[in-house]
Protein backbone atom coordinates (compact mmCIF):
# COMPACT_ATOMS: atom_id res chain seq x y z
CA MET A 1 97.89 113.76 79.53
CA ALA A 2 95.84 110.78 78.31
CA SER A 3 94.65 108.20 80.83
CA THR A 4 93.11 104.78 80.53
CA ILE A 5 91.49 102.25 82.87
CA TRP A 6 92.45 98.60 83.10
CA LYS A 7 90.97 95.66 84.98
CA PHE A 8 93.10 93.36 87.14
CA LYS A 9 91.73 90.03 88.38
CA LEU A 10 92.16 89.08 92.02
CA GLU A 11 92.24 85.62 93.61
CA THR A 12 90.00 85.24 96.66
CA ALA A 13 91.96 82.17 97.76
CA LEU A 14 95.19 84.18 98.12
CA VAL A 15 95.26 86.27 101.29
CA ASN A 16 98.26 88.24 99.99
CA GLN A 17 98.84 88.66 96.29
CA ARG A 18 101.02 90.72 94.04
CA VAL A 19 99.66 92.49 90.98
CA LEU A 20 101.85 93.95 88.25
CA MET A 21 100.36 97.24 87.05
CA PRO A 22 101.50 100.45 85.38
CA LYS A 23 103.52 102.72 87.67
CA GLY A 24 101.43 105.27 89.54
CA ALA A 25 98.09 103.57 88.81
CA GLU A 26 95.19 104.96 90.84
CA ILE A 27 92.88 102.29 92.25
CA LEU A 28 89.28 103.17 91.36
CA SER A 29 87.15 100.25 92.47
CA VAL A 30 86.98 96.60 93.45
CA GLN A 31 83.92 94.55 92.46
CA THR A 32 82.99 91.20 91.01
CA GLN A 33 82.47 90.54 87.34
CA ASN A 34 80.98 87.14 86.50
CA GLU A 35 81.59 86.07 90.13
CA GLU A 36 85.31 86.90 89.85
CA PRO A 37 86.83 89.65 92.00
CA CYS A 38 88.44 92.41 89.95
CA LEU A 39 90.20 95.66 90.65
CA TRP A 40 90.02 98.64 88.26
CA ALA A 41 92.80 101.20 88.07
CA LYS A 42 93.38 104.39 86.07
CA PHE A 43 96.83 105.38 84.89
CA ASN A 44 98.67 107.71 82.56
CA LYS A 45 99.07 105.99 79.17
CA ALA A 46 102.69 107.20 79.08
CA ASN A 47 103.34 104.76 81.96
CA GLU A 48 101.74 101.76 80.25
CA ASP A 49 105.08 99.98 79.79
CA VAL A 50 106.56 101.05 83.14
CA LYS A 51 105.31 98.42 85.59
CA GLU A 52 105.41 98.17 89.37
CA GLU A 53 104.40 95.33 91.64
CA ARG A 54 101.75 96.13 94.25
CA CYS A 55 100.57 93.87 97.02
CA PHE A 56 96.94 93.42 98.04
CA ALA A 57 95.45 91.53 100.97
CA ILE A 58 91.97 90.01 100.97
CA HIS A 59 90.18 89.21 104.22
CA GLU A 60 86.75 87.73 104.72
CA THR A 61 84.36 89.34 107.18
CA GLY A 62 85.10 88.03 110.68
CA GLU A 63 88.79 87.28 110.07
CA THR A 64 91.39 88.75 112.41
CA ILE A 65 93.54 91.39 110.74
CA THR A 66 96.94 91.88 112.34
CA SER A 67 98.65 94.29 109.94
CA ILE A 68 98.41 98.05 110.43
CA ARG A 69 100.12 98.64 107.09
CA TYR A 70 96.87 98.24 105.13
CA SER A 71 95.02 100.85 103.13
CA TYR A 72 91.38 99.93 102.49
CA ILE A 73 90.42 99.61 98.80
CA GLY A 74 86.91 98.15 98.78
CA THR A 75 84.57 95.24 99.48
CA TYR A 76 83.07 92.60 97.21
CA GLN A 77 80.57 89.80 97.70
CA LEU A 78 80.37 86.27 96.30
CA ARG A 79 77.58 83.69 96.17
CA GLY A 80 74.84 86.29 96.33
CA GLY A 81 76.29 88.02 99.39
CA VAL A 82 76.88 84.86 101.43
CA ARG A 83 80.65 85.51 101.38
CA VAL A 84 81.92 89.08 101.89
CA TYR A 85 85.58 90.01 101.31
CA HIS A 86 87.51 93.21 101.98
CA VAL A 87 90.50 94.29 99.88
CA PHE A 88 93.43 96.25 101.27
CA GLU A 89 96.62 97.48 99.67
CA VAL A 90 99.66 96.49 101.70
CA MET A 91 101.69 99.66 102.24
CA THR A 92 105.47 99.24 102.32
């Protein structure tokens, strides 16, 4: 079974955002690339055309988080570490 890894850009300004990705994609990492937050996911190439919408929440350090339906993905920093954000997948 052949796999591949794709990058998906995230928007820091959107607390909750939906990302269309291949069905069953496994989230590998979240980091910045050229000061833009990105998420990398691995998936089976056979599912490349079978998409599913997944929801991610981004919260800055110090913000109140009220949802318990979050699964932690990772943390990224902007402006040389001045701003620190935490990415969660919203579980349905």
